């Protein structure tokens, strides 16, 4: 192995190690943010839980707010992947089944305690409502538009899949997730919420 190859190998190993460290920090931060909240979590505690120094943590994240933003962004991306994956898994059963599966997976994810604490409780306050919404809608809105487009292509949507409709349905699904995450007595069930959503969008029964 010549000098250039050796340097390339070391660079790849260094990048891999750095990414592994970043992943450990994010995993530890998510657990702490979810259990003790943003205000109750210190970067010292995160570094300790991740098994890294505070210097290593600040090498990857400028401050606690930047770390929190990265955790929130990753949760939102995981949510979108869960919805897309569920829809694709049911695609062979028809457009409506796939759309419902995606919405159901979305609601299940939003009902998780870690998502509720990080995304619904702390994120609007820590990041500000504008930044929170930009991340949330920036990731999820494309998936919603794709789902509505598929319903329309299948002849199931009552009206055209306009941007306005996507905004309304996206907001409704978000509110449904908040309702389920609180699990108040007397609140609608997931099945009831999905059934109402399908009734609003299509002439088809929810299955």
C-alpha atoms as a PDB file:
ATOM      1  CA  UNK A   1       0.000   0.000   0.000  1.00  0.00           C
ATOM      2  CA  UNK A   2       1.511   3.330  -1.005  1.00  0.00           C
ATOM      3  CA  UNK A   3       1.310   6.551   1.018  1.00  0.00           C
ATOM      4  CA  UNK A   4      -1.750   7.835  -0.883  1.00  0.00           C
ATOM      5  CA  UNK A   5      -3.679   4.615  -0.305  1.00  0.00           C
ATOM      6  CA  UNK A   6      -2.722   4.608   3.378  1.00  0.00           C
ATOM      7  CA  UNK A   7      -3.929   8.183   3.812  1.00  0.00           C
ATOM      8  CA  UNK A   8      -7.161   7.356   2.023  1.00  0.00           C
ATOM      9  CA  UNK A   9      -7.765   4.342   4.256  1.00  0.00           C
ATOM     10  CA  UNK A  10      -7.089   6.385   7.386  1.00  0.00           C
ATOM     11  CA  UNK A  11      -9.392   9.146   6.196  1.00  0.00           C
ATOM     12  CA  UNK A  12     -12.218   6.665   5.578  1.00  0.00           C
ATOM     13  CA  UNK A  13     -11.663   5.062   8.973  1.00  0.00           C
ATOM     14  CA  UNK A  14     -11.612   8.469  10.649  1.00  0.00           C
ATOM     15  CA  UNK A  15     -14.852   9.483   8.926  1.00  0.00           C
ATOM     16  CA  UNK A  16     -16.459   6.185   9.928  1.00  0.00           C
ATOM     17  CA  UNK A  17     -15.357   6.620  13.543  1.00  0.00           C
ATOM     18  CA  UNK A  18     -16.625  10.210  13.586  1.00  0.00           C
ATOM     19  CA  UNK A  19     -20.015   9.124  12.277  1.00  0.00           C
ATOM     20  CA  UNK A  20     -20.197   6.353  14.871  1.00  0.00           C
ATOM     21  CA  UNK A  21     -19.466   8.905  17.606  1.00  0.00           C
ATOM     22  CA  UNK A  22     -22.136  11.231  16.235  1.00  0.00           C
ATOM     23  CA  UNK A  23     -24.657   8.372  16.209  1.00  0.00           C
ATOM     24  CA  UNK A  24     -23.895   7.533  19.850  1.00  0.00           C
ATOM     25  CA  UNK A  25     -24.355  11.159  20.860  1.00  0.00           C
ATOM     26  CA  UNK A  26     -27.684  11.412  19.037  1.00  0.00           C
ATOM     27  CA  UNK A  27     -28.965   8.172  20.548  1.00  0.00           C
ATOM     28  CA  UNK A  28     -28.010   9.251  24.062  1.00  0.00           C
ATOM     29  CA  UNK A  29     -29.483  12.713  23.526  1.00  0.00           C
ATOM     30  CA  UNK A  30     -32.784  11.316  22.284  1.00  0.00           C
ATOM     31  CA  UNK A  31     -33.150   9.106  25.333  1.00  0.00           C
ATOM     32  CA  UNK A  32     -32.371  11.969  27.720  1.00  0.00           C
ATOM     33  CA  UNK A  33     -34.467  14.590  25.923  1.00  0.00           C
ATOM     34  CA  UNK A  34     -37.356  12.126  25.876  1.00  0.00           C
ATOM     35  CA  UNK A  35     -37.147  11.258  29.573  1.00  0.00           C
ATOM     36  CA  UNK A  36     -36.036  14.502  31.239  1.00  0.00           C
ATOM     37  CA  UNK A  37     -37.013  17.079  28.627  1.00  0.00           C
ATOM     38  CA  UNK A  38     -34.868  19.739  27.019  1.00  0.00           C
ATOM     39  CA  UNK A  39     -34.485  21.889  30.130  1.00  0.00           C
ATOM     40  CA  UNK A  40     -33.636  18.899  32.295  1.00  0.00           C
ATOM     41  CA  UNK A  41     -30.908  17.602  29.985  1.00  0.00           C
ATOM     42  CA  UNK A  42     -27.333  18.864  30.070  1.00  0.00           C
ATOM     43  CA  UNK A  43     -24.636  18.308  27.490  1.00  0.00           C
ATOM     44  CA  UNK A  44     -22.523  16.840  30.280  1.00  0.00           C
ATOM     45  CA  UNK A  45     -25.174  14.179  30.863  1.00  0.00           C
ATOM     46  CA  UNK A  46     -25.427  13.457  27.141  1.00  0.00           C
ATOM     47  CA  UNK A  47     -21.664  13.108  26.780  1.00  0.00           C
ATOM     48  CA  UNK A  48     -21.526  10.795  29.789  1.00  0.00           C
ATOM     49  CA  UNK A  49     -24.370   8.633  28.457  1.00  0.00           C
ATOM     50  CA  UNK A  50     -22.763   8.467  25.025  1.00  0.00           C
ATOM     51  CA  UNK A  51     -19.354   7.592  26.456  1.00  0.00           C
ATOM     52  CA  UNK A  52     -17.622  10.584  24.885  1.00  0.00           C
ATOM     53  CA  UNK A  53     -15.990  13.744  26.130  1.00  0.00           C
ATOM     54  CA  UNK A  54     -17.780  17.095  26.047  1.00  0.00           C
ATOM     55  CA  UNK A  55     -15.129  18.174  23.567  1.00  0.00           C
ATOM     56  CA  UNK A  56     -16.183  15.373  21.237  1.00  0.00           C
ATOM     57  CA  UNK A  57     -19.821  16.380  21.627  1.00  0.00           C
ATOM     58  CA  UNK A  58     -19.075  20.017  20.806  1.00  0.00           C
ATOM     59  CA  UNK A  59     -16.994  18.909  17.841  1.00  0.00           C
ATOM     60  CA  UNK A  60     -20.194  17.573  16.275  1.00  0.00           C
ATOM     61  CA  UNK A  61     -22.759  20.006  17.710  1.00  0.00           C
ATOM     62  CA  UNK A  62     -22.247  23.706  18.448  1.00  0.00           C
ATOM     63  CA  UNK A  63     -24.439  23.704  21.549  1.00  0.00           C
ATOM     64  CA  UNK A  64     -27.378  21.982  23.207  1.00  0.00           C
ATOM     65  CA  UNK A  65     -29.875  23.677  20.906  1.00  0.00           C
ATOM     66  CA  UNK A  66     -28.020  22.412  17.826  1.00  0.00           C
ATOM     67  CA  UNK A  67     -27.956  18.923  19.298  1.00  0.00           C
ATOM     68  CA  UNK A  68     -31.675  19.079  20.002  1.00  0.00           C
ATOM     69  CA  UNK A  69     -32.390  20.264  16.464  1.00  0.00           C
ATOM     70  CA  UNK A  70     -30.444  17.300  15.081  1.00  0.00           C
ATOM     71  CA  UNK A  71     -32.395  14.892  17.289  1.00  0.00           C
ATOM     72  CA  UNK A  72     -35.697  16.440  16.210  1.00  0.00           C
ATOM     73  CA  UNK A  73     -34.721  16.341  12.541  1.00  0.00           C
ATOM     74  CA  UNK A  74     -33.774  12.674  12.812  1.00  0.00           C
ATOM     75  CA  UNK A  75     -37.086  11.844  14.493  1.00  0.00           C
ATOM     76  CA  UNK A  76     -38.990  13.605  11.716  1.00  0.00           C
ATOM     77  CA  UNK A  77     -37.048  11.701   9.068  1.00  0.00           C
ATOM     78  CA  UNK A  78     -37.724   8.409  10.880  1.00  0.00           C
ATOM     79  CA  UNK A  79     -41.420   9.278  11.018  1.00  0.00           C
ATOM     80  CA  UNK A  80     -41.499   9.924   7.281  1.00  0.00           C
ATOM     81  CA  UNK A  81     -39.633   6.690   6.578  1.00  0.00           C
ATOM     82  CA  UNK A  82     -42.077   4.753   8.760  1.00  0.00           C
ATOM     83  CA  UNK A  83     -45.081   6.191   6.909  1.00  0.00           C
ATOM     84  CA  UNK A  84     -43.566   5.545   3.485  1.00  0.00           C
ATOM     85  CA  UNK A  85     -42.469   2.049   4.428  1.00  0.00           C
ATOM     86  CA  UNK A  86     -45.898   1.113   5.743  1.00  0.00           C
ATOM     87  CA  UNK A  87     -47.594   2.459   2.619  1.00  0.00           C
ATOM     88  CA  UNK A  88     -45.224   0.577   0.316  1.00  0.00           C
ATOM     89  CA  UNK A  89     -45.790  -2.645   2.255  1.00  0.00           C
ATOM     90  CA  UNK A  90     -49.535  -2.419   1.563  1.00  0.00           C
ATOM     91  CA  UNK A  91     -49.271  -1.092  -1.995  1.00  0.00           C
ATOM     92  CA  UNK A  92     -50.310  -4.439  -3.463  1.00  0.00           C
ATOM     93  CA  UNK A  93     -53.656  -4.175  -1.663  1.00  0.00           C
ATOM     94  CA  UNK A  94     -54.683  -0.998  -3.407  1.00  0.00           C
ATOM     95  CA  UNK A  95     -54.211   2.745  -3.169  1.00  0.00           C
ATOM     96  CA  UNK A  96     -56.561   3.291  -0.231  1.00  0.00           C
ATOM     97  CA  UNK A  97     -55.021   0.480   1.820  1.00  0.00           C
ATOM     98  CA  UNK A  98     -51.557   1.931   1.219  1.00  0.00           C
ATOM     99  CA  UNK A  99     -52.667   5.458   2.131  1.00  0.00           C
ATOM    100  CA  UNK A 100     -54.330   4.241   5.331  1.00  0.00           C
ATOM    101  CA  UNK A 101     -51.279   2.174   6.266  1.00  0.00           C
ATOM    102  CA  UNK A 102     -49.057   5.222   5.898  1.00  0.00           C
ATOM    103  CA  UNK A 103     -51.378   7.381   7.983  1.00  0.00           C
ATOM    104  CA  UNK A 104     -51.696   4.655  10.612  1.00  0.00           C
ATOM    105  CA  UNK A 105     -47.911   4.290  10.882  1.00  0.00           C
ATOM    106  CA  UNK A 106     -47.626   8.062  11.166  1.00  0.00           C
ATOM    107  CA  UNK A 107     -50.113   8.153  14.043  1.00  0.00           C
ATOM    108  CA  UNK A 108     -48.378   5.246  15.791  1.00  0.00           C
ATOM    109  CA  UNK A 109     -45.049   7.048  15.562  1.00  0.00           C
ATOM    110  CA  UNK A 110     -46.488  10.318  16.840  1.00  0.00           C
ATOM    111  CA  UNK A 111     -47.996   8.449  19.785  1.00  0.00           C
ATOM    112  CA  UNK A 112     -44.563   7.329  20.971  1.00  0.00           C
ATOM    113  CA  UNK A 113     -43.529   9.000  24.249  1.00  0.00           C
ATOM    114  CA  UNK A 114     -40.147  10.072  22.863  1.00  0.00           C
ATOM    115  CA  UNK A 115     -41.707  11.733  19.821  1.00  0.00           C
ATOM    116  CA  UNK A 116     -44.381  13.394  21.938  1.00  0.00           C
ATOM    117  CA  UNK A 117     -41.844  14.930  24.321  1.00  0.00           C
ATOM    118  CA  UNK A 118     -39.268  15.990  21.744  1.00  0.00           C
ATOM    119  CA  UNK A 119     -41.421  16.972  18.771  1.00  0.00           C
ATOM    120  CA  UNK A 120     -44.654  18.120  20.341  1.00  0.00           C
ATOM    121  CA  UNK A 121     -43.672  19.475  23.750  1.00  0.00           C
ATOM    122  CA  UNK A 122     -40.134  20.842  23.436  1.00  0.00           C
ATOM    123  CA  UNK A 123     -39.472  21.486  19.744  1.00  0.00           C
ATOM    124  CA  UNK A 124     -41.864  24.437  19.247  1.00  0.00           C
ATOM    125  CA  UNK A 125     -40.416  26.195  22.304  1.00  0.00           C
ATOM    126  CA  UNK A 126     -36.747  25.362  21.719  1.00  0.00           C
ATOM    127  CA  UNK A 127     -36.636  25.937  17.974  1.00  0.00           C
ATOM    128  CA  UNK A 128     -39.429  28.466  17.650  1.00  0.00           C
ATOM    129  CA  UNK A 129     -42.721  27.761  15.909  1.00  0.00           C
ATOM    130  CA  UNK A 130     -41.455  28.847  12.476  1.00  0.00           C
ATOM    131  CA  UNK A 131     -38.381  26.585  12.507  1.00  0.00           C
ATOM    132  CA  UNK A 132     -40.357  23.724  14.040  1.00  0.00           C
ATOM    133  CA  UNK A 133     -42.987  23.939  11.301  1.00  0.00           C
ATOM    134  CA  UNK A 134     -40.392  24.328   8.553  1.00  0.00           C
ATOM    135  CA  UNK A 135     -38.750  21.053   9.532  1.00  0.00           C
ATOM    136  CA  UNK A 136     -41.982  19.171  10.221  1.00  0.00           C
ATOM    137  CA  UNK A 137     -43.802  20.220   7.048  1.00  0.00           C
ATOM    138  CA  UNK A 138     -40.635  20.305   4.968  1.00  0.00           C
ATOM    139  CA  UNK A 139     -40.206  16.572   5.459  1.00  0.00           C
ATOM    140  CA  UNK A 140     -43.772  15.319   5.739  1.00  0.00           C
ATOM    141  CA  UNK A 141     -45.658  17.475   3.251  1.00  0.00           C
ATOM    142  CA  UNK A 142     -44.111  15.812   0.194  1.00  0.00           C
ATOM    143  CA  UNK A 143     -45.225  12.433   1.463  1.00  0.00           C
ATOM    144  CA  UNK A 144     -48.739  13.733   2.070  1.00  0.00           C
ATOM    145  CA  UNK A 145     -48.903  15.234  -1.426  1.00  0.00           C
ATOM    146  CA  UNK A 146     -47.738  11.923  -2.889  1.00  0.00           C
ATOM    147  CA  UNK A 147     -50.408  10.032  -0.958  1.00  0.00           C
ATOM    148  CA  UNK A 148     -53.175  12.361  -2.076  1.00  0.00           C
ATOM    149  CA  UNK A 149     -51.872  12.180  -5.639  1.00  0.00           C
ATOM    150  CA  UNK A 150     -52.079   8.389  -5.511  1.00  0.00           C
ATOM    151  CA  UNK A 151     -55.676   8.549  -4.255  1.00  0.00           C
ATOM    152  CA  UNK A 152     -56.513  10.911  -7.080  1.00  0.00           C
ATOM    153  CA  UNK A 153     -54.832   8.715  -9.680  1.00  0.00           C
ATOM    154  CA  UNK A 154     -56.875   5.802  -8.367  1.00  0.00           C
ATOM    155  CA  UNK A 155     -60.091   7.768  -8.803  1.00  0.00           C
ATOM    156  CA  UNK A 156     -60.780   7.820  -5.059  1.00  0.00           C
ATOM    157  CA  UNK A 157     -60.242  11.448  -4.091  1.00  0.00           C
ATOM    158  CA  UNK A 158     -63.327  13.664  -3.902  1.00  0.00           C
ATOM    159  CA  UNK A 159     -61.527  16.705  -5.295  1.00  0.00           C
ATOM    160  CA  UNK A 160     -58.193  17.631  -6.880  1.00  0.00           C
ATOM    161  CA  UNK A 161     -55.020  16.998  -4.816  1.00  0.00           C
ATOM    162  CA  UNK A 162     -54.246  20.697  -4.395  1.00  0.00           C
ATOM    163  CA  UNK A 163     -51.555  22.186  -2.142  1.00  0.00           C
ATOM    164  CA  UNK A 164     -54.356  23.589   0.014  1.00  0.00           C
ATOM    165  CA  UNK A 165     -55.808  20.116   0.540  1.00  0.00           C
ATOM    166  CA  UNK A 166     -52.378  18.745   1.445  1.00  0.00           C
ATOM    167  CA  UNK A 167     -51.967  21.470   4.067  1.00  0.00           C
ATOM    168  CA  UNK A 168     -55.369  20.751   5.580  1.00  0.00           C
ATOM    169  CA  UNK A 169     -54.914  16.976   5.694  1.00  0.00           C
ATOM    170  CA  UNK A 170     -51.362  17.277   7.008  1.00  0.00           C
ATOM    171  CA  UNK A 171     -52.624  19.528   9.797  1.00  0.00           C
ATOM    172  CA  UNK A 172     -55.478  17.165  10.579  1.00  0.00           C
ATOM    173  CA  UNK A 173     -53.113  14.205  10.830  1.00  0.00           C
ATOM    174  CA  UNK A 174     -50.806  16.181  13.111  1.00  0.00           C
ATOM    175  CA  UNK A 175     -53.697  17.076  15.410  1.00  0.00           C
ATOM    176  CA  UNK A 176     -54.837  13.458  15.390  1.00  0.00           C
ATOM    177  CA  UNK A 177     -51.365  12.397  16.473  1.00  0.00           C
ATOM    178  CA  UNK A 178     -51.421  14.918  19.317  1.00  0.00           C
ATOM    179  CA  UNK A 179     -54.810  13.612  20.435  1.00  0.00           C
ATOM    180  CA  UNK A 180     -53.626  10.001  20.447  1.00  0.00           C
ATOM    181  CA  UNK A 181     -50.375  10.829  22.231  1.00  0.00           C
ATOM    182  CA  UNK A 182     -52.320  12.372  25.109  1.00  0.00           C
ATOM    183  CA  UNK A 183     -54.591   9.335  25.370  1.00  0.00           C
ATOM    184  CA  UNK A 184     -57.330  11.226  27.187  1.00  0.00           C
ATOM    185  CA  UNK A 185     -60.431   9.294  28.224  1.00  0.00           C
ATOM    186  CA  UNK A 186     -63.179   9.793  25.708  1.00  0.00           C
ATOM    187  CA  UNK A 187     -60.825  10.812  22.895  1.00  0.00           C
ATOM    188  CA  UNK A 188     -61.352   9.271  19.443  1.00  0.00           C
ATOM    189  CA  UNK A 189     -59.483   6.061  18.737  1.00  0.00           C
ATOM    190  CA  UNK A 190     -56.990   5.709  15.901  1.00  0.00           C
ATOM    191  CA  UNK A 191     -59.539   3.687  13.913  1.00  0.00           C
ATOM    192  CA  UNK A 192     -62.161   6.393  14.375  1.00  0.00           C
ATOM    193  CA  UNK A 193     -59.751   9.124  13.319  1.00  0.00           C
ATOM    194  CA  UNK A 194     -58.654   7.239  10.219  1.00  0.00           C
ATOM    195  CA  UNK A 195     -62.239   6.441   9.342  1.00  0.00           C
ATOM    196  CA  UNK A 196     -63.187  10.110   9.584  1.00  0.00           C
ATOM    197  CA  UNK A 197     -60.200  11.083   7.437  1.00  0.00           C
ATOM    198  CA  UNK A 198     -61.141   8.623   4.711  1.00  0.00           C
ATOM    199  CA  UNK A 199     -64.742   9.813   4.862  1.00  0.00           C
ATOM    200  CA  UNK A 200     -63.650  13.385   4.294  1.00  0.00           C
ATOM    201  CA  UNK A 201     -61.329  12.566   1.416  1.00  0.00           C
ATOM    202  CA  UNK A 202     -63.086   9.775  -0.456  1.00  0.00           C
ATOM    203  CA  UNK A 203     -66.376   7.981  -1.005  1.00  0.00           C
ATOM    204  CA  UNK A 204     -64.819   4.775   0.215  1.00  0.00           C
ATOM    205  CA  UNK A 205     -65.217   3.111   3.632  1.00  0.00           C
ATOM    206  CA  UNK A 206     -62.128   2.816   5.833  1.00  0.00           C
ATOM    207  CA  UNK A 207     -60.911  -0.788   6.004  1.00  0.00           C
END
